[in-house]
């Protein structure tokens, strides 16, 4: 299997469940604690392309509002930049495997890309 990466928040139950699910299946992902090491805007745009989603699809609305991000007023490119600058507003976890990615909500949804 290629280099599997999980963008992980250890304080998030879904993120912990997704990591455990991967490990239980013999996958040892590279763990990126994205709050400590946020993806750049370019990396986030690449992840979104692999997810097949727009930036609006991965926004945590409450956290975005707390960060002053007006999701409805921003273009997708501007929203990507805002999320890169405020990683707490990014939905989690996100698992990337090569050219594919999945949001771990529910955790089992990542199994489709393994």
PDB file of N, CA and C in Angstrom:
ATOM      1  N   UNK A   1       0.843  -1.184   0.000  1.00  0.00           N
ATOM      2  CA  UNK A   1       0.000   0.000   0.000  1.00  0.00           C
ATOM      3  C   UNK A   1       0.878   1.233   0.000  1.00  0.00           C
ATOM      4  N   UNK A   2       0.401   2.267  -0.664  1.00  0.00           N
ATOM      5  CA  UNK A   2       1.167   3.512  -0.753  1.00  0.00           C
ATOM      6  C   UNK A   2       1.259   4.215   0.587  1.00  0.00           C
ATOM      7  N   UNK A   3       1.691   5.438   0.524  1.00  0.00           N
ATOM      8  CA  UNK A   3       1.845   6.246   1.726  1.00  0.00           C
ATOM      9  C   UNK A   3       0.481   6.779   2.141  1.00  0.00           C
ATOM     10  N   UNK A   4      -0.108   6.158   3.158  1.00  0.00           N
ATOM     11  CA  UNK A   4      -1.397   6.605   3.675  1.00  0.00           C
ATOM     12  C   UNK A   4      -1.128   7.678   4.729  1.00  0.00           C
ATOM     13  N   UNK A   5      -1.858   8.779   4.621  1.00  0.00           N
ATOM     14  CA  UNK A   5      -1.694   9.906   5.541  1.00  0.00           C
ATOM     15  C   UNK A   5      -3.043  10.186   6.181  1.00  0.00           C
ATOM     16  N   UNK A   6      -3.036  10.394   7.491  1.00  0.00           N
ATOM     17  CA  UNK A   6      -4.250  10.827   8.169  1.00  0.00           C
ATOM     18  C   UNK A   6      -3.998  12.204   8.760  1.00  0.00           C
ATOM     19  N   UNK A   7      -4.867  13.147   8.390  1.00  0.00           N
ATOM     20  CA  UNK A   7      -4.835  14.478   8.989  1.00  0.00           C
ATOM     21  C   UNK A   7      -5.703  14.354  10.239  1.00  0.00           C
ATOM     22  N   UNK A   8      -5.051  14.363  11.387  1.00  0.00           N
ATOM     23  CA  UNK A   8      -5.599  13.856  12.633  1.00  0.00           C
ATOM     24  C   UNK A   8      -5.626  14.916  13.722  1.00  0.00           C
ATOM     25  N   UNK A   9      -6.677  14.856  14.523  1.00  0.00           N
ATOM     26  CA  UNK A   9      -6.769  15.646  15.745  1.00  0.00           C
ATOM     27  C   UNK A   9      -6.994  14.648  16.876  1.00  0.00           C
ATOM     28  N   UNK A  10      -5.988  14.414  17.724  1.00  0.00           N
ATOM     29  CA  UNK A  10      -6.116  13.404  18.754  1.00  0.00           C
ATOM     30  C   UNK A  10      -7.222  13.687  19.773  1.00  0.00           C
ATOM     31  N   UNK A  11      -7.721  14.915  19.831  1.00  0.00           N
ATOM     32  CA  UNK A  11      -8.809  15.234  20.763  1.00  0.00           C
ATOM     33  C   UNK A  11     -10.185  14.892  20.180  1.00  0.00           C
ATOM     34  N   UNK A  12     -10.238  14.533  18.907  1.00  0.00           N
ATOM     35  CA  UNK A  12     -11.505  14.257  18.220  1.00  0.00           C
ATOM     36  C   UNK A  12     -11.791  12.752  18.229  1.00  0.00           C
ATOM     37  N   UNK A  13     -12.963  12.370  18.727  1.00  0.00           N
ATOM     38  CA  UNK A  13     -13.293  10.942  18.812  1.00  0.00           C
ATOM     39  C   UNK A  13     -13.348  10.286  17.434  1.00  0.00           C
ATOM     40  N   UNK A  14     -13.912  10.961  16.435  1.00  0.00           N
ATOM     41  CA  UNK A  14     -13.982  10.372  15.084  1.00  0.00           C
ATOM     42  C   UNK A  14     -12.586  10.197  14.501  1.00  0.00           C
ATOM     43  N   UNK A  15     -11.709  11.129  14.785  1.00  0.00           N
ATOM     44  CA  UNK A  15     -10.342  11.029  14.304  1.00  0.00           C
ATOM     45  C   UNK A  15      -9.636   9.835  14.972  1.00  0.00           C
ATOM     46  N   UNK A  16      -9.813   9.697  16.263  1.00  0.00           N
ATOM     47  CA  UNK A  16      -9.209   8.551  16.977  1.00  0.00           C
ATOM     48  C   UNK A  16      -9.787   7.231  16.476  1.00  0.00           C
ATOM     49  N   UNK A  17     -11.104   7.194  16.256  1.00  0.00           N
ATOM     50  CA  UNK A  17     -11.744   5.972  15.748  1.00  0.00           C
ATOM     51  C   UNK A  17     -11.215   5.616  14.361  1.00  0.00           C
ATOM     52  N   UNK A  18     -11.037   6.607  13.520  1.00  0.00           N
ATOM     53  CA  UNK A  18     -10.541   6.367  12.162  1.00  0.00           C
ATOM     54  C   UNK A  18      -9.110   5.851  12.200  1.00  0.00           C
ATOM     55  N   UNK A  19      -8.266   6.444  13.028  1.00  0.00           N
ATOM     56  CA  UNK A  19      -6.888   5.981  13.156  1.00  0.00           C
ATOM     57  C   UNK A  19      -6.859   4.539  13.646  1.00  0.00           C
ATOM     58  N   UNK A  20      -7.671   4.207  14.626  1.00  0.00           N
ATOM     59  CA  UNK A  20      -7.720   2.839  15.144  1.00  0.00           C
ATOM     60  C   UNK A  20      -8.206   1.872  14.066  1.00  0.00           C
ATOM     61  N   UNK A  21      -9.214   2.280  13.307  1.00  0.00           N
ATOM     62  CA  UNK A  21      -9.733   1.451  12.220  1.00  0.00           C
ATOM     63  C   UNK A  21      -8.627   1.126  11.214  1.00  0.00           C
ATOM     64  N   UNK A  22      -7.846   2.127  10.839  1.00  0.00           N
ATOM     65  CA  UNK A  22      -6.728   1.907   9.912  1.00  0.00           C
ATOM     66  C   UNK A  22      -5.717   0.936  10.515  1.00  0.00           C
ATOM     67  N   UNK A  23      -5.322   1.197  11.751  1.00  0.00           N
ATOM     68  CA  UNK A  23      -4.315   0.352  12.408  1.00  0.00           C
ATOM     69  C   UNK A  23      -4.820  -1.074  12.581  1.00  0.00           C
ATOM     70  N   UNK A  24      -6.116  -1.242  12.892  1.00  0.00           N
ATOM     71  CA  UNK A  24      -6.696  -2.590  13.031  1.00  0.00           C
ATOM     72  C   UNK A  24      -6.671  -3.356  11.716  1.00  0.00           C
ATOM     73  N   UNK A  25      -6.588  -2.642  10.607  1.00  0.00           N
ATOM     74  CA  UNK A  25      -6.526  -3.279   9.287  1.00  0.00           C
ATOM     75  C   UNK A  25      -5.092  -3.386   8.774  1.00  0.00           C
ATOM     76  N   UNK A  26      -4.139  -3.159   9.652  1.00  0.00           N
ATOM     77  CA  UNK A  26      -2.738  -3.322   9.291  1.00  0.00           C
ATOM     78  C   UNK A  26      -2.135  -2.142   8.563  1.00  0.00           C
ATOM     79  N   UNK A  27      -2.835  -1.021   8.526  1.00  0.00           N
ATOM     80  CA  UNK A  27      -2.332   0.175   7.863  1.00  0.00           C
ATOM     81  C   UNK A  27      -1.633   1.036   8.913  1.00  0.00           C
ATOM     82  N   UNK A  28      -0.400   1.415   8.625  1.00  0.00           N
ATOM     83  CA  UNK A  28       0.351   2.301   9.520  1.00  0.00           C
ATOM     84  C   UNK A  28       0.474   3.661   8.834  1.00  0.00           C
ATOM     85  N   UNK A  29      -0.528   4.506   9.006  1.00  0.00           N
ATOM     86  CA  UNK A  29      -0.501   5.778   8.298  1.00  0.00           C
ATOM     87  C   UNK A  29       0.514   6.742   8.888  1.00  0.00           C
ATOM     88  N   UNK A  30       0.941   7.675   8.049  1.00  0.00           N
ATOM     89  CA  UNK A  30       1.717   8.814   8.550  1.00  0.00           C
ATOM     90  C   UNK A  30       0.697   9.751   9.174  1.00  0.00           C
ATOM     91  N   UNK A  31       0.876  10.040  10.448  1.00  0.00           N
ATOM     92  CA  UNK A  31      -0.076  10.864  11.184  1.00  0.00           C
ATOM     93  C   UNK A  31       0.381  12.322  11.155  1.00  0.00           C
ATOM     94  N   UNK A  32      -0.481  13.184  10.629  1.00  0.00           N
ATOM     95  CA  UNK A  32      -0.213  14.613  10.603  1.00  0.00           C
ATOM     96  C   UNK A  32      -1.218  15.264  11.555  1.00  0.00           C
ATOM     97  N   UNK A  33      -0.723  15.747  12.681  1.00  0.00           N
ATOM     98  CA  UNK A  33      -1.592  16.492  13.585  1.00  0.00           C
ATOM     99  C   UNK A  33      -1.744  17.878  12.982  1.00  0.00           C
ATOM    100  N   UNK A  34      -2.805  18.039  12.204  1.00  0.00           N
ATOM    101  CA  UNK A  34      -2.927  19.215  11.349  1.00  0.00           C
ATOM    102  C   UNK A  34      -3.117  20.519  12.115  1.00  0.00           C
ATOM    103  N   UNK A  35      -3.455  20.455  13.399  1.00  0.00           N
ATOM    104  CA  UNK A  35      -3.525  21.696  14.174  1.00  0.00           C
ATOM    105  C   UNK A  35      -2.127  22.196  14.508  1.00  0.00           C
ATOM    106  N   UNK A  36      -1.171  21.252  14.647  1.00  0.00           N
ATOM    107  CA  UNK A  36       0.230  21.614  14.907  1.00  0.00           C
ATOM    108  C   UNK A  36       0.984  21.876  13.612  1.00  0.00           C
ATOM    109  N   UNK A  37       0.667  21.111  12.572  1.00  0.00           N
ATOM    110  CA  UNK A  37       1.329  21.211  11.274  1.00  0.00           C
ATOM    111  C   UNK A  37       0.253  21.329  10.197  1.00  0.00           C
ATOM    112  N   UNK A  38      -0.331  22.519  10.043  1.00  0.00           N
ATOM    113  CA  UNK A  38      -1.435  22.653   9.082  1.00  0.00           C
ATOM    114  C   UNK A  38      -0.961  22.531   7.642  1.00  0.00           C
ATOM    115  N   UNK A  39      -1.840  21.990   6.792  1.00  0.00           N
ATOM    116  CA  UNK A  39      -1.493  21.946   5.369  1.00  0.00           C
ATOM    117  C   UNK A  39      -1.485  23.363   4.801  1.00  0.00           C
ATOM    118  N   UNK A  40      -0.619  23.591   3.834  1.00  0.00           N
ATOM    119  CA  UNK A  40      -0.613  24.878   3.135  1.00  0.00           C
ATOM    120  C   UNK A  40      -1.870  24.963   2.274  1.00  0.00           C
ATOM    121  N   UNK A  41      -2.136  26.136   1.748  1.00  0.00           N
ATOM    122  CA  UNK A  41      -3.282  26.299   0.851  1.00  0.00           C
ATOM    123  C   UNK A  41      -3.143  25.373  -0.363  1.00  0.00           C
ATOM    124  N   UNK A  42      -1.930  25.249  -0.895  1.00  0.00           N
ATOM    125  CA  UNK A  42      -1.707  24.366  -2.049  1.00  0.00           C
ATOM    126  C   UNK A  42      -1.943  22.905  -1.667  1.00  0.00           C
ATOM    127  N   UNK A  43      -1.457  22.491  -0.498  1.00  0.00           N
ATOM    128  CA  UNK A  43      -1.689  21.109  -0.044  1.00  0.00           C
ATOM    129  C   UNK A  43      -3.175  20.858   0.181  1.00  0.00           C
ATOM    130  N   UNK A  44      -3.851  21.834   0.764  1.00  0.00           N
ATOM    131  CA  UNK A  44      -5.284  21.691   1.014  1.00  0.00           C
ATOM    132  C   UNK A  44      -6.061  21.611  -0.299  1.00  0.00           C
ATOM    133  N   UNK A  45      -5.681  22.405  -1.285  1.00  0.00           N
ATOM    134  CA  UNK A  45      -6.329  22.339  -2.601  1.00  0.00           C
ATOM    135  C   UNK A  45      -6.122  20.964  -3.233  1.00  0.00           C
ATOM    136  N   UNK A  46      -4.932  20.392  -3.067  1.00  0.00           N
ATOM    137  CA  UNK A  46      -4.646  19.057  -3.578  1.00  0.00           C
ATOM    138  C   UNK A  46      -5.503  18.012  -2.866  1.00  0.00           C
ATOM    139  N   UNK A  47      -5.638  18.135  -1.557  1.00  0.00           N
ATOM    140  CA  UNK A  47      -6.467  17.209  -0.787  1.00  0.00           C
ATOM    141  C   UNK A  47      -7.923  17.308  -1.244  1.00  0.00           C
ATOM    142  N   UNK A  48      -8.408  18.523  -1.451  1.00  0.00           N
ATOM    143  CA  UNK A  48      -9.782  18.705  -1.914  1.00  0.00           C
ATOM    144  C   UNK A  48     -10.004  18.063  -3.284  1.00  0.00           C
ATOM    145  N   UNK A  49      -9.028  18.182  -4.171  1.00  0.00           N
ATOM    146  CA  UNK A  49      -9.139  17.547  -5.489  1.00  0.00           C
ATOM    147  C   UNK A  49      -9.238  16.031  -5.332  1.00  0.00           C
ATOM    148  N   UNK A  50      -8.455  15.477  -4.418  1.00  0.00           N
ATOM    149  CA  UNK A  50      -8.494  14.027  -4.178  1.00  0.00           C
ATOM    150  C   UNK A  50      -9.808  13.605  -3.530  1.00  0.00           C
ATOM    151  N   UNK A  51     -10.375  14.486  -2.699  1.00  0.00           N
ATOM    152  CA  UNK A  51     -11.673  14.211  -2.084  1.00  0.00           C
ATOM    153  C   UNK A  51     -12.812  14.356  -3.090  1.00  0.00           C
ATOM    154  N   UNK A  52     -12.577  15.180  -4.139  1.00  0.00           N
ATOM    155  CA  UNK A  52     -13.643  15.493  -5.081  1.00  0.00           C
ATOM    156  C   UNK A  52     -14.668  16.422  -4.455  1.00  0.00           C
ATOM    157  N   UNK A  53     -14.196  17.301  -3.577  1.00  0.00           N
ATOM    158  CA  UNK A  53     -15.092  18.199  -2.846  1.00  0.00           C
ATOM    159  C   UNK A  53     -14.608  19.644  -2.969  1.00  0.00           C
ATOM    160  N   UNK A  54     -15.499  20.558  -2.631  1.00  0.00           N
ATOM    161  CA  UNK A  54     -15.114  21.966  -2.566  1.00  0.00           C
ATOM    162  C   UNK A  54     -14.718  22.278  -1.131  1.00  0.00           C
ATOM    163  N   UNK A  55     -14.120  23.415  -0.927  1.00  0.00           N
ATOM    164  CA  UNK A  55     -13.695  23.821   0.411  1.00  0.00           C
ATOM    165  C   UNK A  55     -14.882  23.906   1.368  1.00  0.00           C
ATOM    166  N   UNK A  56     -16.027  24.332   0.858  1.00  0.00           N
ATOM    167  CA  UNK A  56     -17.227  24.443   1.709  1.00  0.00           C
ATOM    168  C   UNK A  56     -17.626  23.098   2.314  1.00  0.00           C
ATOM    169  N   UNK A  57     -17.278  21.998   1.631  1.00  0.00           N
ATOM    170  CA  UNK A  57     -17.646  20.658   2.092  1.00  0.00           C
ATOM    171  C   UNK A  57     -16.844  20.195   3.302  1.00  0.00           C
ATOM    172  N   UNK A  58     -15.732  20.864   3.600  1.00  0.00           N
ATOM    173  CA  UNK A  58     -14.899  20.408   4.720  1.00  0.00           C
ATOM    174  C   UNK A  58     -14.789  21.446   5.829  1.00  0.00           C
ATOM    175  N   UNK A  59     -15.738  22.384   5.852  1.00  0.00           N
ATOM    176  CA  UNK A  59     -15.708  23.442   6.858  1.00  0.00           C
ATOM    177  C   UNK A  59     -16.485  23.015   8.098  1.00  0.00           C
ATOM    178  N   UNK A  60     -15.873  23.214   9.241  1.00  0.00           N
ATOM    179  CA  UNK A  60     -16.573  23.083  10.520  1.00  0.00           C
ATOM    180  C   UNK A  60     -17.179  24.464  10.787  1.00  0.00           C
ATOM    181  N   UNK A  61     -18.489  24.559  10.641  1.00  0.00           N
ATOM    182  CA  UNK A  61     -19.167  25.856  10.635  1.00  0.00           C
ATOM    183  C   UNK A  61     -18.949  26.653  11.928  1.00  0.00           C
ATOM    184  N   UNK A  62     -19.076  25.999  13.064  1.00  0.00           N
ATOM    185  CA  UNK A  62     -18.918  26.724  14.332  1.00  0.00           C
ATOM    186  C   UNK A  62     -17.507  27.291  14.457  1.00  0.00           C
ATOM    187  N   UNK A  63     -16.518  26.463  14.168  1.00  0.00           N
ATOM    188  CA  UNK A  63     -15.125  26.898  14.268  1.00  0.00           C
ATOM    189  C   UNK A  63     -14.806  27.978  13.243  1.00  0.00           C
ATOM    190  N   UNK A  64     -15.394  27.861  12.046  1.00  0.00           N
ATOM    191  CA  UNK A  64     -15.185  28.893  11.024  1.00  0.00           C
ATOM    192  C   UNK A  64     -15.758  30.229  11.499  1.00  0.00           C
ATOM    193  N   UNK A  65     -16.957  30.195  12.057  1.00  0.00           N
ATOM    194  CA  UNK A  65     -17.571  31.426  12.561  1.00  0.00           C
ATOM    195  C   UNK A  65     -16.731  32.028  13.677  1.00  0.00           C
ATOM    196  N   UNK A  66     -16.226  31.174  14.575  1.00  0.00           N
ATOM    197  CA  UNK A  66     -15.385  31.659  15.672  1.00  0.00           C
ATOM    198  C   UNK A  66     -14.102  32.302  15.150  1.00  0.00           C
ATOM    199  N   UNK A  67     -13.600  31.805  14.002  1.00  0.00           N
ATOM    200  CA  UNK A  67     -12.375  32.350  13.405  1.00  0.00           C
ATOM    201  C   UNK A  67     -12.667  33.566  12.521  1.00  0.00           C
ATOM    202  N   UNK A  68     -13.942  33.928  12.397  1.00  0.00           N
ATOM    203  CA  UNK A  68     -14.308  35.077  11.576  1.00  0.00           C
ATOM    204  C   UNK A  68     -14.334  34.783  10.093  1.00  0.00           C
ATOM    205  N   UNK A  69     -14.471  33.510   9.728  1.00  0.00           N
ATOM    206  CA  UNK A  69     -14.511  33.126   8.317  1.00  0.00           C
ATOM    207  C   UNK A  69     -15.960  33.149   7.851  1.00  0.00           C
ATOM    208  N   UNK A  70     -16.264  34.011   6.884  1.00  0.00           N
ATOM    209  CA  UNK A  70     -17.605  34.100   6.316  1.00  0.00           C
ATOM    210  C   UNK A  70     -17.646  33.178   5.098  1.00  0.00           C
ATOM    211  N   UNK A  71     -18.018  31.923   5.353  1.00  0.00           N
ATOM    212  CA  UNK A  71     -17.956  30.877   4.328  1.00  0.00           C
ATOM    213  C   UNK A  71     -18.735  31.266   3.074  1.00  0.00           C
ATOM    214  N   UNK A  72     -19.921  31.833   3.243  1.00  0.00           N
ATOM    215  CA  UNK A  72     -20.764  32.172   2.100  1.00  0.00           C
ATOM    216  C   UNK A  72     -20.224  33.310   1.251  1.00  0.00           C
ATOM    217  N   UNK A  73     -19.379  34.145   1.825  1.00  0.00           N
ATOM    218  CA  UNK A  73     -18.890  35.322   1.110  1.00  0.00           C
ATOM    219  C   UNK A  73     -17.585  35.074   0.360  1.00  0.00           C
ATOM    220  N   UNK A  74     -16.950  33.931   0.598  1.00  0.00           N
ATOM    221  CA  UNK A  74     -15.625  33.684   0.022  1.00  0.00           C
ATOM    222  C   UNK A  74     -15.689  32.761  -1.188  1.00  0.00           C
ATOM    223  N   UNK A  75     -14.825  33.016  -2.147  1.00  0.00           N
ATOM    224  CA  UNK A  75     -14.647  32.078  -3.258  1.00  0.00           C
ATOM    225  C   UNK A  75     -14.006  30.815  -2.706  1.00  0.00           C
ATOM    226  N   UNK A  76     -14.027  29.748  -3.479  1.00  0.00           N
ATOM    227  CA  UNK A  76     -13.427  28.500  -3.018  1.00  0.00           C
ATOM    228  C   UNK A  76     -11.939  28.701  -2.728  1.00  0.00           C
ATOM    229  N   UNK A  77     -11.252  29.438  -3.608  1.00  0.00           N
ATOM    230  CA  UNK A  77      -9.816  29.684  -3.429  1.00  0.00           C
ATOM    231  C   UNK A  77      -9.549  30.487  -2.157  1.00  0.00           C
ATOM    232  N   UNK A  78     -10.353  31.504  -1.900  1.00  0.00           N
ATOM    233  CA  UNK A  78     -10.181  32.310  -0.686  1.00  0.00           C
ATOM    234  C   UNK A  78     -10.510  31.489   0.557  1.00  0.00           C
ATOM    235  N   UNK A  79     -11.504  30.612   0.446  1.00  0.00           N
ATOM    236  CA  UNK A  79     -11.862  29.762   1.578  1.00  0.00           C
ATOM    237  C   UNK A  79     -10.743  28.761   1.881  1.00  0.00           C
ATOM    238  N   UNK A  80     -10.117  28.228   0.843  1.00  0.00           N
ATOM    239  CA  UNK A  80      -8.977  27.328   1.047  1.00  0.00           C
ATOM    240  C   UNK A  80      -7.876  28.056   1.811  1.00  0.00           C
ATOM    241  N   UNK A  81      -7.586  29.278   1.423  1.00  0.00           N
ATOM    242  CA  UNK A  81      -6.560  30.070   2.112  1.00  0.00           C
ATOM    243  C   UNK A  81      -6.958  30.321   3.563  1.00  0.00           C
ATOM    244  N   UNK A  82      -8.235  30.625   3.797  1.00  0.00           N
ATOM    245  CA  UNK A  82      -8.709  30.870   5.157  1.00  0.00           C
ATOM    246  C   UNK A  82      -8.611  29.611   6.013  1.00  0.00           C
ATOM    247  N   UNK A  83      -8.933  28.460   5.433  1.00  0.00           N
ATOM    248  CA  UNK A  83      -8.834  27.200   6.175  1.00  0.00           C
ATOM    249  C   UNK A  83      -7.382  26.856   6.479  1.00  0.00           C
ATOM    250  N   UNK A  84      -6.499  27.107   5.527  1.00  0.00           N
ATOM    251  CA  UNK A  84      -5.075  26.840   5.766  1.00  0.00           C
ATOM    252  C   UNK A  84      -4.556  27.708   6.909  1.00  0.00           C
ATOM    253  N   UNK A  85      -5.069  28.927   7.007  1.00  0.00           N
ATOM    254  CA  UNK A  85      -4.648  29.842   8.074  1.00  0.00           C
ATOM    255  C   UNK A  85      -5.347  29.550   9.397  1.00  0.00           C
ATOM    256  N   UNK A  86      -6.471  28.826   9.339  1.00  0.00           N
ATOM    257  CA  UNK A  86      -7.264  28.505  10.532  1.00  0.00           C
ATOM    258  C   UNK A  86      -7.625  27.016  10.502  1.00  0.00           C
ATOM    259  N   UNK A  87      -6.651  26.135  10.704  1.00  0.00           N
ATOM    260  CA  UNK A  87      -6.891  24.704  10.516  1.00  0.00           C
ATOM    261  C   UNK A  87      -7.947  24.110  11.448  1.00  0.00           C
ATOM    262  N   UNK A  88      -8.245  24.772  12.551  1.00  0.00           N
ATOM    263  CA  UNK A  88      -9.292  24.272  13.436  1.00  0.00           C
ATOM    264  C   UNK A  88     -10.657  24.252  12.783  1.00  0.00           C
ATOM    265  N   UNK A  89     -10.815  24.983  11.690  1.00  0.00           N
ATOM    266  CA  UNK A  89     -12.087  25.032  10.972  1.00  0.00           C
ATOM    267  C   UNK A  89     -12.188  23.957   9.887  1.00  0.00           C
ATOM    268  N   UNK A  90     -11.175  23.099   9.781  1.00  0.00           N
ATOM    269  CA  UNK A  90     -11.187  22.009   8.797  1.00  0.00           C
ATOM    270  C   UNK A  90     -11.823  20.776   9.433  1.00  0.00           C
ATOM    271  N   UNK A  91     -12.780  20.175   8.722  1.00  0.00           N
ATOM    272  CA  UNK A  91     -13.402  18.937   9.192  1.00  0.00           C
ATOM    273  C   UNK A  91     -12.351  17.845   9.271  1.00  0.00           C
ATOM    274  N   UNK A  92     -12.527  16.936  10.208  1.00  0.00           N
ATOM    275  CA  UNK A  92     -11.539  15.894  10.418  1.00  0.00           C
ATOM    276  C   UNK A  92     -12.223  14.585  10.719  1.00  0.00           C
ATOM    277  N   UNK A  93     -11.461  13.505  10.565  1.00  0.00           N
ATOM    278  CA  UNK A  93     -10.140  13.382   9.963  1.00  0.00           C
ATOM    279  C   UNK A  93     -10.252  13.247   8.448  1.00  0.00           C
ATOM    280  N   UNK A  94      -9.156  13.522   7.781  1.00  0.00           N
ATOM    281  CA  UNK A  94      -9.071  13.281   6.344  1.00  0.00           C
ATOM    282  C   UNK A  94      -7.944  12.280   6.139  1.00  0.00           C
ATOM    283  N   UNK A  95      -8.240  11.234   5.368  1.00  0.00           N
ATOM    284  CA  UNK A  95      -7.246  10.211   5.054  1.00  0.00           C
ATOM    285  C   UNK A  95      -6.938  10.285   3.571  1.00  0.00           C
ATOM    286  N   UNK A  96      -5.660  10.312   3.251  1.00  0.00           N
ATOM    287  CA  UNK A  96      -5.211  10.363   1.859  1.00  0.00           C
ATOM    288  C   UNK A  96      -4.414   9.100   1.570  1.00  0.00           C
ATOM    289  N   UNK A  97      -4.730   8.470   0.438  1.00  0.00           N
ATOM    290  CA  UNK A  97      -3.998   7.294  -0.028  1.00  0.00           C
ATOM    291  C   UNK A  97      -3.730   7.486  -1.512  1.00  0.00           C
ATOM    292  N   UNK A  98      -2.519   7.929  -1.831  1.00  0.00           N
ATOM    293  CA  UNK A  98      -2.165   8.172  -3.231  1.00  0.00           C
ATOM    294  C   UNK A  98      -3.018   9.269  -3.826  1.00  0.00           C
ATOM    295  N   UNK A  99      -3.760   8.930  -4.890  1.00  0.00           N
ATOM    296  CA  UNK A  99      -4.570   9.917  -5.603  1.00  0.00           C
ATOM    297  C   UNK A  99      -5.986  10.011  -5.059  1.00  0.00           C
ATOM    298  N   UNK A 100      -6.267   9.304  -3.944  1.00  0.00           N
ATOM    299  CA  UNK A 100      -7.614   9.292  -3.375  1.00  0.00           C
ATOM    300  C   UNK A 100      -7.581   9.812  -1.949  1.00  0.00           C
ATOM    301  N   UNK A 101      -8.715  10.337  -1.532  1.00  0.00           N
ATOM    302  CA  UNK A 101      -8.845  10.801  -0.151  1.00  0.00           C
ATOM    303  C   UNK A 101     -10.287  10.586   0.292  1.00  0.00           C
ATOM    304  N   UNK A 102     -10.469  10.515   1.612  1.00  0.00           N
ATOM    305  CA  UNK A 102     -11.811  10.354   2.176  1.00  0.00           C
ATOM    306  C   UNK A 102     -11.874  11.051   3.521  1.00  0.00           C
ATOM    307  N   UNK A 103     -13.041  11.554   3.819  1.00  0.00           N
ATOM    308  CA  UNK A 103     -13.311  12.157   5.115  1.00  0.00           C
ATOM    309  C   UNK A 103     -13.797  11.048   6.036  1.00  0.00           C
ATOM    310  N   UNK A 104     -13.215  10.943   7.202  1.00  0.00           N
ATOM    311  CA  UNK A 104     -13.545   9.867   8.138  1.00  0.00           C
ATOM    312  C   UNK A 104     -14.793  10.127   8.946  1.00  0.00           C
ATOM    313  N   UNK A 105     -15.857  10.504   8.301  1.00  0.00           N
ATOM    314  CA  UNK A 105     -17.147  10.713   8.956  1.00  0.00           C
ATOM    315  C   UNK A 105     -18.213  10.037   8.117  1.00  0.00           C
ATOM    316  N   UNK A 106     -18.594   8.819   8.448  1.00  0.00           N
ATOM    317  CA  UNK A 106     -18.138   7.976   9.552  1.00  0.00           C
ATOM    318  C   UNK A 106     -16.765   7.382   9.255  1.00  0.00           C
ATOM    319  N   UNK A 107     -16.093   6.883  10.290  1.00  0.00           N
ATOM    320  CA  UNK A 107     -14.746   6.338  10.084  1.00  0.00           C
ATOM    321  C   UNK A 107     -14.662   5.285   8.981  1.00  0.00           C
ATOM    322  N   UNK A 108     -15.685   4.462   8.831  1.00  0.00           N
ATOM    323  CA  UNK A 108     -15.666   3.391   7.829  1.00  0.00           C
ATOM    324  C   UNK A 108     -15.583   3.917   6.401  1.00  0.00           C
ATOM    325  N   UNK A 109     -15.907   5.169   6.183  1.00  0.00           N
ATOM    326  CA  UNK A 109     -15.865   5.713   4.826  1.00  0.00           C
ATOM    327  C   UNK A 109     -14.455   5.725   4.241  1.00  0.00           C
ATOM    328  N   UNK A 110     -13.434   5.677   5.092  1.00  0.00           N
ATOM    329  CA  UNK A 110     -12.065   5.667   4.573  1.00  0.00           C
ATOM    330  C   UNK A 110     -11.676   4.323   3.992  1.00  0.00           C
ATOM    331  N   UNK A 111     -12.415   3.273   4.303  1.00  0.00           N
ATOM    332  CA  UNK A 111     -12.074   1.947   3.803  1.00  0.00           C
ATOM    333  C   UNK A 111     -12.156   1.886   2.282  1.00  0.00           C
ATOM    334  N   UNK A 112     -12.987   2.732   1.669  1.00  0.00           N
ATOM    335  CA  UNK A 112     -13.157   2.746   0.222  1.00  0.00           C
ATOM    336  C   UNK A 112     -11.890   3.141  -0.526  1.00  0.00           C
ATOM    337  N   UNK A 113     -10.950   3.826   0.128  1.00  0.00           N
ATOM    338  CA  UNK A 113      -9.754   4.293  -0.579  1.00  0.00           C
ATOM    339  C   UNK A 113      -8.515   3.445  -0.277  1.00  0.00           C
ATOM    340  N   UNK A 114      -8.705   2.391   0.513  1.00  0.00           N
ATOM    341  CA  UNK A 114      -7.539   1.552   0.861  1.00  0.00           C
ATOM    342  C   UNK A 114      -7.304   0.488  -0.190  1.00  0.00           C
TER     343      UNK A 114
END
